[in-house]
Amino acid sequence: MGRRFLILALLVVSAVAAAPAAGARTATTVVIRNIDFSRHTVRIHRGESVRWRFADAGVSHNVTSRGRPHFRSSKSMLTGTYTVRFTRPGTYRYVCTIHPNMKGRVIVG
């Protein structure tokens, strides 16, 4: 019985350690590549984040909101990421002002 209890206890501890902390939020990633946003529409829950990953080798981009709340990455990014946490429900539209045909939206429920 002692050995089985120890194995069961180790399994429970491993499962708890692997689980995300209560209240922890993950970011949904939008990849910027080929002068386009990989996902034009992202649906998330209130309190979650969207991370834009700049992966268009040699081509500068940015992420700029259209409306409130206002958010904007650096004016011209070649690499790296930019993250925004959305705390209110609604639809948030954004563009790349360098390439205005690049459009997207975040829908927060």
C-alpha atoms as a PDB file:
ATOM      1  CA  MET A   1       0.000   0.000   0.000  1.00  0.00           C
ATOM      2  CA  GLY A   2       2.816   2.457   0.836  1.00  0.00           C
ATOM      3  CA  ARG A   3       4.407   2.132  -2.610  1.00  0.00           C
ATOM      4  CA  ARG A   4       1.072   2.610  -4.436  1.00  0.00           C
ATOM      5  CA  PHE A   5       0.278   5.652  -2.303  1.00  0.00           C
ATOM      6  CA  LEU A   6       3.689   7.156  -3.109  1.00  0.00           C
ATOM      7  CA  ILE A   7       3.212   6.593  -6.858  1.00  0.00           C
ATOM      8  CA  LEU A   8      -0.294   8.083  -6.719  1.00  0.00           C
ATOM      9  CA  ALA A   9       0.977  11.092  -4.759  1.00  0.00           C
ATOM     10  CA  LEU A  10       3.761  11.672  -7.317  1.00  0.00           C
ATOM     11  CA  LEU A  11       1.240  11.528 -10.170  1.00  0.00           C
ATOM     12  CA  VAL A  12      -1.017  14.074  -8.456  1.00  0.00           C
ATOM     13  CA  VAL A  13       1.901  16.428  -7.758  1.00  0.00           C
ATOM     14  CA  SER A  14       3.053  16.120 -11.392  1.00  0.00           C
ATOM     15  CA  ALA A  15      -0.423  16.925 -12.706  1.00  0.00           C
ATOM     16  CA  VAL A  16      -0.772  19.962 -10.454  1.00  0.00           C
ATOM     17  CA  ALA A  17       2.700  21.231 -11.401  1.00  0.00           C
ATOM     18  CA  ALA A  18       1.872  20.923 -15.113  1.00  0.00           C
ATOM     19  CA  ALA A  19      -1.470  22.746 -14.832  1.00  0.00           C
ATOM     20  CA  PRO A  20      -1.519  26.514 -15.416  1.00  0.00           C
ATOM     21  CA  ALA A  21      -1.909  28.666 -12.337  1.00  0.00           C
ATOM     22  CA  ALA A  22      -5.429  29.802 -11.511  1.00  0.00           C
ATOM     23  CA  GLY A  23      -6.150  33.038 -13.335  1.00  0.00           C
ATOM     24  CA  ALA A  24      -3.210  32.571 -15.698  1.00  0.00           C
ATOM     25  CA  ARG A  25      -4.055  33.707 -19.215  1.00  0.00           C
ATOM     26  CA  THR A  26      -2.486  32.660 -22.462  1.00  0.00           C
ATOM     27  CA  ALA A  27      -1.930  34.787 -25.515  1.00  0.00           C
ATOM     28  CA  THR A  28      -3.398  34.003 -28.912  1.00  0.00           C
ATOM     29  CA  THR A  29      -0.734  34.515 -31.568  1.00  0.00           C
ATOM     30  CA  VAL A  30      -1.199  36.232 -34.925  1.00  0.00           C
ATOM     31  CA  VAL A  31       1.802  35.757 -37.217  1.00  0.00           C
ATOM     32  CA  ILE A  32       2.685  38.560 -39.627  1.00  0.00           C
ATOM     33  CA  ARG A  33       4.098  36.982 -42.768  1.00  0.00           C
ATOM     34  CA  ASN A  34       3.837  37.503 -46.545  1.00  0.00           C
ATOM     35  CA  ILE A  35       2.455  41.016 -45.979  1.00  0.00           C
ATOM     36  CA  ASP A  36      -0.583  39.567 -44.209  1.00  0.00           C
ATOM     37  CA  PHE A  37      -1.913  38.746 -40.753  1.00  0.00           C
ATOM     38  CA  SER A  38      -2.084  34.949 -40.407  1.00  0.00           C
ATOM     39  CA  ARG A  39      -5.516  35.228 -38.820  1.00  0.00           C
ATOM     40  CA  HIS A  40      -7.689  38.163 -39.801  1.00  0.00           C
ATOM     41  CA  THR A  41     -10.172  37.555 -36.994  1.00  0.00           C
ATOM     42  CA  VAL A  42      -9.268  36.400 -33.502  1.00  0.00           C
ATOM     43  CA  ARG A  43     -11.882  35.528 -30.854  1.00  0.00           C
ATOM     44  CA  ILE A  44     -10.783  35.644 -27.230  1.00  0.00           C
ATOM     45  CA  HIS A  45     -12.266  36.003 -23.759  1.00  0.00           C
ATOM     46  CA  ARG A  46     -12.098  39.156 -21.682  1.00  0.00           C
ATOM     47  CA  GLY A  47      -8.735  39.396 -19.892  1.00  0.00           C
ATOM     48  CA  GLU A  48      -6.847  37.409 -22.515  1.00  0.00           C
ATOM     49  CA  SER A  49      -4.099  38.733 -24.769  1.00  0.00           C
ATOM     50  CA  VAL A  50      -3.215  38.747 -28.445  1.00  0.00           C
ATOM     51  CA  ARG A  51       0.434  38.510 -29.427  1.00  0.00           C
ATOM     52  CA  TRP A  52       1.506  39.586 -32.898  1.00  0.00           C
ATOM     53  CA  ARG A  53       4.714  37.901 -34.063  1.00  0.00           C
ATOM     54  CA  PHE A  54       6.654  39.740 -36.757  1.00  0.00           C
ATOM     55  CA  ALA A  55       8.028  37.094 -39.134  1.00  0.00           C
ATOM     56  CA  ASP A  56       8.080  38.763 -42.578  1.00  0.00           C
ATOM     57  CA  ALA A  57      11.820  38.677 -43.261  1.00  0.00           C
ATOM     58  CA  GLY A  58      13.097  42.074 -44.321  1.00  0.00           C
ATOM     59  CA  VAL A  59       9.663  43.749 -44.442  1.00  0.00           C
ATOM     60  CA  SER A  60       8.633  46.265 -41.751  1.00  0.00           C
ATOM     61  CA  HIS A  61       5.145  46.193 -40.240  1.00  0.00           C
ATOM     62  CA  ASN A  62       3.196  47.571 -37.305  1.00  0.00           C
ATOM     63  CA  VAL A  63      -0.071  46.921 -35.502  1.00  0.00           C
ATOM     64  CA  THR A  64      -2.254  50.015 -35.032  1.00  0.00           C
ATOM     65  CA  SER A  65      -5.781  50.066 -33.625  1.00  0.00           C
ATOM     66  CA  ARG A  66      -8.674  51.799 -35.321  1.00  0.00           C
ATOM     67  CA  GLY A  67     -10.759  53.242 -32.523  1.00  0.00           C
ATOM     68  CA  ARG A  68     -10.616  52.934 -28.765  1.00  0.00           C
ATOM     69  CA  PRO A  69      -8.793  51.767 -26.834  1.00  0.00           C
ATOM     70  CA  HIS A  70      -5.819  52.899 -28.818  1.00  0.00           C
ATOM     71  CA  PHE A  71      -2.874  50.533 -29.145  1.00  0.00           C
ATOM     72  CA  ARG A  72       0.137  50.631 -31.432  1.00  0.00           C
ATOM     73  CA  SER A  73       3.309  48.637 -31.767  1.00  0.00           C
ATOM     74  CA  SER A  74       6.539  50.358 -32.748  1.00  0.00           C
ATOM     75  CA  LYS A  75       6.183  52.253 -36.017  1.00  0.00           C
ATOM     76  CA  SER A  76       8.277  49.760 -37.948  1.00  0.00           C
ATOM     77  CA  MET A  77       9.132  46.249 -36.739  1.00  0.00           C
ATOM     78  CA  LEU A  78      11.026  43.564 -38.616  1.00  0.00           C
ATOM     79  CA  THR A  79      11.151  40.934 -35.860  1.00  0.00           C
ATOM     80  CA  GLY A  80       9.917  40.344 -32.341  1.00  0.00           C
ATOM     81  CA  THR A  81       6.477  40.408 -30.811  1.00  0.00           C
ATOM     82  CA  TYR A  82       3.873  42.886 -29.613  1.00  0.00           C
ATOM     83  CA  THR A  83       1.188  41.922 -27.078  1.00  0.00           C
ATOM     84  CA  VAL A  84      -2.066  43.595 -25.995  1.00  0.00           C
ATOM     85  CA  ARG A  85      -4.320  42.414 -23.170  1.00  0.00           C
ATOM     86  CA  PHE A  86      -8.033  43.068 -23.797  1.00  0.00           C
ATOM     87  CA  THR A  87     -10.068  43.734 -20.646  1.00  0.00           C
ATOM     88  CA  ARG A  88     -13.420  44.804 -22.126  1.00  0.00           C
ATOM     89  CA  PRO A  89     -15.788  42.961 -24.457  1.00  0.00           C
ATOM     90  CA  GLY A  90     -16.120  44.339 -27.972  1.00  0.00           C
ATOM     91  CA  THR A  91     -14.675  44.278 -31.473  1.00  0.00           C
ATOM     92  CA  TYR A  92     -11.262  45.880 -31.957  1.00  0.00           C
ATOM     93  CA  ARG A  93     -10.105  46.605 -35.492  1.00  0.00           C
ATOM     94  CA  TYR A  94      -6.466  47.130 -36.415  1.00  0.00           C
ATOM     95  CA  VAL A  95      -4.249  47.655 -39.470  1.00  0.00           C
ATOM     96  CA  CYS A  96      -0.619  47.872 -40.500  1.00  0.00           C
ATOM     97  CA  THR A  97      -0.258  51.556 -41.397  1.00  0.00           C
ATOM     98  CA  ILE A  98       2.703  50.727 -43.647  1.00  0.00           C
ATOM     99  CA  HIS A  99       0.508  48.316 -45.664  1.00  0.00           C
ATOM    100  CA  PRO A 100      -3.109  49.553 -45.165  1.00  0.00           C
ATOM    101  CA  ASN A 101      -4.507  46.519 -46.990  1.00  0.00           C
ATOM    102  CA  MET A 102      -3.408  44.441 -43.976  1.00  0.00           C
ATOM    103  CA  LYS A 103      -6.442  44.453 -41.682  1.00  0.00           C
ATOM    104  CA  GLY A 104      -7.578  42.422 -38.735  1.00  0.00           C
ATOM    105  CA  ARG A 105      -9.922  42.384 -35.780  1.00  0.00           C
ATOM    106  CA  VAL A 106     -10.058  41.009 -32.281  1.00  0.00           C
ATOM    107  CA  ILE A 107     -13.458  39.994 -30.926  1.00  0.00           C
ATOM    108  CA  VAL A 108     -13.541  39.884 -27.138  1.00  0.00           C
ATOM    109  CA  GLY A 109     -16.437  38.043 -25.500  1.00  0.00           C
END
